Amino acid sequence: MTAQRMASTRRTQPCRRYKLDVLTLQSKMHCGLIQHWSPQQTAGRLKRKHPNDQTMHISHEAI
């Protein structure tokens, strides 16, 4: 199998977003968006509110 074919196969497979499986994180993101916070504000507030919990950290691009 050539490198180009392998790269094309990987590109067609969907990327799994494991962070979004955490229901607490989903609900916090949803609440922030309902309150009309920007994704940057939501991500920043989550990091400030949960500084030691890596499961509650997410980038604004993922939101």
Protein backbone atom coordinates (compact mmCIF):
# COMPACT_ATOMS: atom_id res chain seq x y z
CA MET A 1 0.00 0.00 0.00
CA THR A 2 1.43 3.36 -0.97
CA ALA A 3 1.80 6.26 1.42
CA GLN A 4 -0.67 8.32 -0.60
CA ARG A 5 -3.36 5.63 -0.36
CA MET A 6 -2.79 5.26 3.40
CA ALA A 7 -3.04 9.03 3.90
CA SER A 8 -6.23 9.19 1.85
CA THR A 9 -7.77 6.39 3.92
CA ARG A 10 -6.92 8.12 7.19
CA ARG A 11 -8.30 11.42 5.94
CA THR A 12 -11.72 9.92 5.19
CA GLN A 13 -12.05 8.44 8.69
CA PRO A 14 -13.81 10.77 11.14
CA CYS A 15 -11.80 12.27 13.97
CA ARG A 16 -13.06 11.14 17.38
CA ARG A 17 -13.59 13.93 19.91
CA TYR A 18 -13.12 12.24 23.26
CA LYS A 19 -13.46 15.43 25.30
CA LEU A 20 -17.04 15.84 24.17
CA ASP A 21 -17.94 12.47 25.73
CA VAL A 22 -17.72 14.04 29.20
CA LEU A 23 -21.32 15.00 29.99
CA THR A 24 -20.34 17.56 32.63
CA LEU A 25 -18.16 19.36 30.10
CA GLN A 26 -20.95 19.24 27.51
CA SER A 27 -23.45 20.76 29.91
CA LYS A 28 -21.02 23.53 31.00
CA MET A 29 -20.30 24.40 27.36
CA HIS A 30 -24.02 24.41 26.58
CA CYS A 31 -24.77 26.71 29.53
CA GLY A 32 -22.06 29.12 28.41
CA LEU A 33 -23.42 29.26 24.88
CA ILE A 34 -26.99 29.77 26.13
CA GLN A 35 -25.74 32.75 28.15
CA HIS A 36 -24.30 34.14 24.88
CA TRP A 37 -20.66 33.76 25.95
CA SER A 38 -18.16 33.43 23.17
CA PRO A 39 -16.27 30.13 22.85
CA GLN A 40 -13.15 31.94 24.12
CA GLN A 41 -15.01 33.13 27.23
CA THR A 42 -16.48 29.69 27.86
CA ALA A 43 -13.08 27.95 27.54
CA GLY A 44 -11.42 30.55 29.76
CA ARG A 45 -14.07 30.31 32.46
CA LEU A 46 -13.84 26.52 32.50
CA LYS A 47 -10.05 26.67 32.93
CA ARG A 48 -10.34 29.22 35.75
CA LYS A 49 -13.13 27.39 37.52
CA HIS A 50 -11.50 23.92 37.22
CA PRO A 51 -7.72 24.57 37.20
CA ASN A 52 -6.71 21.06 38.32
CA ASP A 53 -9.26 19.06 36.32
CA GLN A 54 -7.91 18.42 32.82
CA THR A 55 -11.20 16.83 31.72
CA MET A 56 -12.84 20.27 32.04
CA HIS A 57 -10.26 22.05 29.85
CA ILE A 58 -11.14 22.51 26.20
CA SER A 59 -9.97 24.86 23.50
CA HIS A 60 -12.25 27.46 22.01
CA GLU A 61 -11.82 25.82 18.59
CA ALA A 62 -13.39 22.61 19.88
CA ILE A 63 -16.44 24.49 21.11
